[in-house]
Structures are given as C-alpha cells and as structure tokens.
Protein backbone atom coordinates (compact mmCIF):
# COMPACT_ATOMS: atom_id res chain seq x y z
CA UNK A 1 -14.48 -37.14 42.16
CA UNK A 2 -17.10 -34.73 43.38
CA UNK A 3 -19.57 -34.36 40.49
CA UNK A 4 -19.00 -30.63 40.42
CA UNK A 5 -15.32 -31.06 39.37
CA UNK A 6 -15.84 -33.73 36.76
CA UNK A 7 -16.58 -31.34 34.15
CA UNK A 8 -13.04 -29.70 34.25
CA UNK A 9 -11.60 -33.54 34.12
CA UNK A 10 -13.32 -34.41 31.00
CA UNK A 11 -10.99 -34.56 27.77
CA UNK A 12 -13.03 -31.63 26.47
CA UNK A 13 -12.34 -29.30 28.93
CA UNK A 14 -8.28 -30.60 29.40
CA UNK A 15 -8.12 -30.60 25.52
CA UNK A 16 -9.73 -27.09 25.09
CA UNK A 17 -7.20 -25.63 27.23
CA UNK A 18 -3.79 -27.49 25.85
CA UNK A 19 -5.12 -25.86 22.52
CA UNK A 20 -5.40 -22.44 23.56
CA UNK A 21 -1.77 -22.89 25.54
CA UNK A 22 -0.21 -24.40 22.50
CA UNK A 23 -1.90 -21.97 19.90
CA UNK A 24 -0.91 -18.75 22.11
CA UNK A 25 2.58 -20.18 22.80
CA UNK A 26 3.47 -21.72 19.62
CA UNK A 27 1.21 -21.29 16.71
CA UNK A 28 0.79 -17.96 16.65
CA UNK A 29 4.45 -17.54 16.68
CA UNK A 30 5.59 -19.79 13.95
CA UNK A 31 2.10 -19.85 11.77
CA UNK A 32 0.18 -16.35 12.10
CA UNK A 33 -2.97 -16.40 10.17
CA UNK A 34 -6.86 -15.96 10.45
CA UNK A 35 -7.11 -19.48 12.22
CA UNK A 36 -4.58 -19.05 14.75
CA UNK A 37 -5.82 -15.77 15.60
CA UNK A 38 -9.66 -16.82 16.00
CA UNK A 39 -8.27 -20.76 17.74
CA UNK A 40 -7.97 -18.78 21.13
CA UNK A 41 -11.10 -16.73 21.21
CA UNK A 42 -13.06 -20.34 20.49
CA UNK A 43 -10.75 -22.86 22.67
CA UNK A 44 -11.06 -19.96 25.72
CA UNK A 45 -14.73 -19.28 25.40
CA UNK A 46 -15.84 -22.88 25.11
CA UNK A 47 -14.17 -23.88 28.77
CA UNK A 48 -14.62 -20.31 30.43
CA UNK A 49 -18.40 -21.13 31.39
CA UNK A 50 -17.27 -24.78 32.04
CA UNK A 51 -14.66 -23.33 34.39
CA UNK A 52 -17.08 -21.26 36.34
CA UNK A 53 -19.33 -23.95 36.51
CA UNK A 54 -17.38 -25.08 39.32
CA UNK A 55 -17.69 -22.40 41.58
CA UNK A 56 -21.46 -21.55 40.40
CA UNK A 57 -22.74 -24.80 39.73
CA UNK A 58 -26.58 -25.57 38.55
CA UNK A 59 -26.20 -21.85 36.78
CA UNK A 60 -24.83 -22.88 33.37
CA UNK A 61 -27.23 -21.17 31.69
CA UNK A 62 -26.48 -18.06 33.23
CA UNK A 63 -22.41 -18.61 33.04
CA UNK A 64 -23.06 -19.07 29.17
CA UNK A 65 -24.69 -15.87 28.98
CA UNK A 66 -22.19 -13.99 31.30
CA UNK A 67 -19.48 -15.45 29.34
CA UNK A 68 -21.03 -13.95 26.05
CA UNK A 69 -21.72 -10.74 27.25
CA UNK A 70 -18.01 -10.19 28.73
CA UNK A 71 -16.56 -11.75 25.54
CA UNK A 72 -18.33 -8.64 23.80
CA UNK A 73 -17.36 -6.39 26.02
CA UNK A 74 -13.88 -7.32 26.11
CA UNK A 75 -13.61 -7.38 22.11
CA UNK A 76 -15.35 -3.63 21.88
CA UNK A 77 -13.93 -0.36 22.55
CA UNK A 78 -15.42 -0.06 25.77
CA UNK A 79 -13.28 -2.35 27.74
CA UNK A 80 -10.43 0.22 27.45
CA UNK A 81 -10.79 1.68 30.73
CA UNK A 82 -10.81 -1.58 32.40
CA UNK A 83 -7.89 -2.88 30.37
CA UNK A 84 -5.94 0.36 31.11
CA UNK A 85 -6.89 -0.27 35.00
CA UNK A 86 -5.60 -3.78 34.90
CA UNK A 87 -2.45 -2.77 33.21
CA UNK A 88 -1.67 -0.02 36.27
CA UNK A 89 -0.42 -3.70 38.12
CA UNK A 90 3.52 -3.70 37.63
CA UNK A 91 4.24 -6.53 35.22
CA UNK A 92 1.07 -6.55 33.69
CA UNK A 93 0.23 -5.94 30.40
CA UNK A 94 -3.21 -6.74 28.70
CA UNK A 95 -4.17 -5.94 25.13
CA UNK A 96 -6.51 -6.92 22.59
CA UNK A 97 -7.17 -5.75 19.00
CA UNK A 98 -11.08 -5.07 18.31
CA UNK A 99 -11.81 -7.05 15.40
CA UNK A 100 -15.83 -7.63 15.32
CA UNK A 101 -15.03 -10.95 13.55
CA UNK A 102 -13.65 -12.58 16.63
CA UNK A 103 -17.46 -12.59 17.57
CA UNK A 104 -17.89 -15.43 15.70
CA UNK A 105 -16.52 -17.19 18.63
CA UNK A 106 -19.73 -16.94 20.36
CA UNK A 107 -21.14 -19.73 18.33
CA UNK A 108 -19.07 -22.17 20.41
CA UNK A 109 -21.24 -21.68 23.30
CA UNK A 110 -24.12 -24.39 22.35
CA UNK A 111 -21.03 -26.92 22.13
CA UNK A 112 -20.04 -25.71 25.65
CA UNK A 113 -23.46 -26.29 27.16
CA UNK A 114 -24.12 -29.69 25.05
CA UNK A 115 -20.62 -30.69 26.88
CA UNK A 116 -21.72 -29.87 30.04
CA UNK A 117 -24.99 -31.18 29.89
CA UNK A 118 -23.44 -34.76 29.20
CA UNK A 119 -20.84 -34.31 31.92
CA UNK A 120 -22.17 -37.29 33.99
CA UNK A 121 -21.11 -39.32 30.94
CA UNK A 122 -18.01 -38.01 29.70
CA UNK A 123 -14.62 -39.94 30.29
CA UNK A 124 -12.47 -38.06 32.46
CA UNK A 125 -8.79 -37.98 33.31
CA UNK A 126 -8.05 -39.26 36.82
CA UNK A 127 -5.90 -36.51 38.26
CA UNK A 128 -6.71 -34.00 40.99
CA UNK A 129 -9.17 -31.34 40.01
CA UNK A 130 -6.39 -28.72 41.05
CA UNK A 131 -4.14 -29.60 38.17
CA UNK A 132 -6.77 -28.59 35.63
CA UNK A 133 -8.16 -25.57 37.43
CA UNK A 134 -4.76 -24.30 37.62
CA UNK A 135 -3.73 -24.69 34.01
CA UNK A 136 -6.87 -23.30 33.17
CA UNK A 137 -6.16 -20.31 35.50
CA UNK A 138 -2.91 -19.62 34.28
CA UNK A 139 -3.94 -19.61 30.18
CA UNK A 140 -6.73 -17.23 30.88
CA UNK A 141 -4.49 -14.88 32.23
CA UNK A 142 -1.75 -15.40 29.73
CA UNK A 143 -3.79 -15.78 26.90
CA UNK A 144 -4.57 -11.85 26.65
CA UNK A 145 -1.22 -10.72 27.39
CA UNK A 146 1.08 -8.99 24.83
CA UNK A 147 4.73 -9.83 24.78
CA UNK A 148 7.79 -7.77 24.06
CA UNK A 149 6.10 -4.50 24.74
CA UNK A 150 7.97 -1.35 24.53
CA UNK A 151 6.87 1.87 26.03
CA UNK A 152 6.86 4.77 24.04
CA UNK A 153 5.28 7.55 25.60
CA UNK A 154 5.58 10.10 23.09
CA UNK A 155 3.49 13.09 22.78
CA UNK A 156 3.14 15.24 19.19
CA UNK A 157 1.67 18.49 18.92
CA UNK A 158 -0.35 18.96 15.47
CA UNK A 159 -1.51 22.67 14.80
CA UNK A 160 -5.12 21.64 13.55
CA UNK A 161 -8.38 20.60 15.14
CA UNK A 162 -8.83 16.84 16.12
CA UNK A 163 -11.60 16.25 13.87
CA UNK A 164 -9.70 17.62 10.70
CA UNK A 165 -6.58 15.42 12.09
CA UNK A 166 -9.01 12.69 12.10
CA UNK A 167 -10.37 13.41 8.67
CA UNK A 168 -7.22 13.41 7.13
CA UNK A 169 -6.08 10.39 8.38
CA UNK A 170 -9.24 8.70 7.23
CA UNK A 171 -9.26 10.65 3.37
CA UNK A 172 -5.47 9.41 2.95
CA UNK A 173 -5.56 6.19 4.21
CA UNK A 174 -4.67 4.25 1.02
CA UNK A 175 -1.44 6.87 0.59
CA UNK A 176 -0.54 6.02 4.36
CA UNK A 177 -0.85 2.06 3.43
CA UNK A 178 1.36 2.70 0.46
CA UNK A 179 3.96 3.91 2.52
CA UNK A 180 3.51 1.01 4.90
CA UNK A 181 1.36 2.75 7.38
CA UNK A 182 -1.76 0.81 8.27
CA UNK A 183 -3.77 2.85 10.91
CA UNK A 184 -7.23 2.15 12.10
CA UNK A 185 -9.21 3.69 14.88
CA UNK A 186 -10.65 1.55 17.52
CA UNK A 187 -13.99 3.46 17.27
CA UNK A 188 -15.93 4.87 14.04
CA UNK A 189 -17.25 7.73 16.59
CA UNK A 190 -14.75 10.44 17.33
CA UNK A 191 -14.57 11.65 21.01
CA UNK A 192 -12.26 13.93 23.00
CA UNK A 193 -9.53 10.67 23.01
CA UNK A 194 -9.75 8.36 20.13
CA UNK A 195 -7.39 5.43 20.58
CA UNK A 196 -5.66 3.69 17.20
CA UNK A 197 -3.61 1.35 16.02
CA UNK A 198 -0.83 1.96 13.49
CA UNK A 199 0.75 -1.39 11.63
CA UNK A 200 4.42 -0.18 10.55
CA UNK A 201 6.12 -2.31 8.17
CA UNK A 202 9.18 -1.81 5.89
CA UNK A 203 11.46 1.24 5.69
CA UNK A 204 14.75 0.77 8.17
CA UNK A 205 12.99 -1.87 10.38
CA UNK A 206 14.01 -5.39 9.99
CA UNK A 207 10.41 -6.25 11.43
CA UNK A 208 6.86 -4.77 11.62
CA UNK A 209 5.75 -2.99 14.54
CA UNK A 210 2.24 -2.80 16.01
CA UNK A 211 1.75 0.85 17.74
CA UNK A 212 -0.78 1.88 20.10
CA UNK A 213 -1.92 5.45 20.02
CA UNK A 214 -4.63 8.18 20.73
CA UNK A 215 -5.82 11.78 19.39
CA UNK A 216 -6.07 13.85 22.11
CA UNK A 217 -8.49 17.05 21.69
CA UNK A 218 -6.75 20.19 23.27
CA UNK A 219 -8.77 23.01 21.68
CA UNK A 220 -9.75 24.62 18.51
CA UNK A 221 -6.06 25.05 16.95
CA UNK A 222 -4.15 22.03 18.66
CA UNK A 223 -4.38 18.27 18.83
CA UNK A 224 -1.81 15.93 20.40
CA UNK A 225 -1.01 12.83 19.12
CA UNK A 226 0.39 10.13 22.02
CA UNK A 227 2.29 6.94 21.50
CA UNK A 228 1.76 4.72 23.95
CA UNK A 229 3.48 1.62 23.54
CA UNK A 230 4.73 -0.74 20.61
CA UNK A 231 5.22 -4.56 19.84
CA UNK A 232 7.34 -5.87 17.43
CA UNK A 233 6.56 -9.54 15.81
CA UNK A 234 9.35 -12.34 16.51
CA UNK A 235 12.08 -11.53 18.77
CA UNK A 236 14.52 -13.18 20.91
CA UNK A 237 15.01 -16.78 22.50
CA UNK A 238 12.52 -18.11 24.71
CA UNK A 239 11.22 -21.24 26.46
CA UNK A 240 9.04 -21.76 23.75
CA UNK A 241 11.10 -20.85 21.10
CA UNK A 242 13.60 -23.35 19.62
CA UNK A 243 15.85 -21.05 18.02
CA UNK A 244 16.97 -17.40 17.89
CA UNK A 245 15.53 -15.06 15.79
CA UNK A 246 16.48 -11.70 14.65
CA UNK A 247 16.83 -9.00 17.49
CA UNK A 248 13.94 -6.20 17.72
CA UNK A 249 14.45 -2.65 16.00
CA UNK A 250 15.26 -0.23 18.80
CA UNK A 251 12.83 2.23 20.05
CA UNK A 252 14.36 5.29 18.50
CA UNK A 253 14.45 3.75 15.19
CA UNK A 254 10.81 2.74 15.43
CA UNK A 255 10.01 6.20 16.56
CA UNK A 256 11.76 7.65 13.44
CA UNK A 257 9.60 5.89 10.99
CA UNK A 258 6.70 7.05 12.64
CA UNK A 259 7.38 10.53 12.65
CA UNK A 260 8.74 10.56 9.17
CA UNK A 261 6.05 8.37 7.34
CA UNK A 262 3.04 9.44 9.58
CA UNK A 263 3.37 12.36 11.98
CA UNK A 264 5.40 14.68 9.51
CA UNK A 265 2.14 14.62 6.83
CA UNK A 266 -0.32 15.52 9.58
C-alpha cells in the first residue's frame, strides 16, 4: 500500500466515517438530541483533512487550517449564497442550521493532526484505498443534505417597514413561542433580505415543521415574507427505517398553521 493512502485505511479514519454515517442515517432519526446534533460535526471535521491529505500529501497543517476555516464559513450566514448556488443542481438540497455551538467541533482538529503524525504506525485494514475513499466521499456529500423537504415558494406582503416587522417579531418572540412558533434569524444584522427559520409545532399538525423563510425589503411601506420550503421530522418508510411512521402533514395544512399563528399577527 502506498504511504499516501495508508491514513485512510487506518481504524481511526474508517471509524470516523462510520460514526458519521451511523449518526446521520440512524441516530439522528431515533435519538435526536444535543449529542447526535454535534457528533457528525466532530466526525466529519476529524476525517476531512485526513481525506484531503491523500490528494495533497505533506500539507497537513495547511489542510487543517483550510478545513477549520471552511467549517466556520459553512456554519455562518455567509455561506447562504454558496448553498443557494449548490441547490440549483437538480436533486440536491443542502442546508445547515446556524448554531455557533457547532464550532466546538474545531477542537477535534488537534486529534486529527496527532493521528496523521502516527500514520506510519497505526494498524490498517487491508482493503483497497478506493473503498474508504468512496465511502468517505459519499458521507461528506450526504451529511448536509436535507431529506423529505417540501417546497413552499409562497410570498406574503406585509404593509409595514421591514425594520418594524423585524422589531415586532423580536419583541413578541415569547408570545410566538407560547403559540408553538419558535423563530430565529440567521443573522443579528438586518439587511435587505434577512433569512430566518421557524420551528412550528402543535396545532393541527401531527409533527413539528422546520420552515425556511426571509424578510425582503420592498419599500418604506411594504415588506415581503417569503417562505422557501419546510421539513418535518419522522416520515414514511425508508431503507434505514425498519418500520413505517406517521405520514407527513400536507403542504396546505402547514401553510394554514403558519398563516394563522404567525403571518396573521404581523
């Protein structure tokens, strides 16, 4: 086995890839909590520079820095444009929740460097390097893709200035939460288009819904509330689900709940 491929055949690398896949396709579904929310970030960021070191040997320090910087970019509002561009590809729908506690995963990079330094001594699995390379590539492409999302593409006009709508939402956040509407903006700075996420629960829905939307500045008297898409937890049967669950609520019902419990109050 060539030295440059040895690192991706170690149990460290293969174990991290398997943890990422197990977490994304099983643990998040059945044990959704703080730990499963962070585990993929730690596992993915651990093996990303090791994966790249096969392509760029002897550049591990630069790869660790680049991996960390890209991770911070991906987890920030600045990556919205890149994600929107990627999502123009048919069949692709990447998404991420902006949660700055995810940056704790950066502390895994020193361990990644330590593992790389010992690459000549770690036990390896005697398999073709193409196998862990392919599985790792699949894991990285699949991990941030949202499943079972439904496009809304609905626009509503509010007869008020964007900053006033923004202030009203923030001032009445507790009232919205009491009605099962938890809303958070992706950036604390108000710009012409401000993206937000709504976690909607209760009402007539059988499952909570995560909605992506935006406040769009029109003029001094009008603001557009645009709803892009939504996703609900649970869902129908799949390869990684041993049993069927309740069906999703339909789009019309989700829109009705958003309109009556959020939009009608603006």
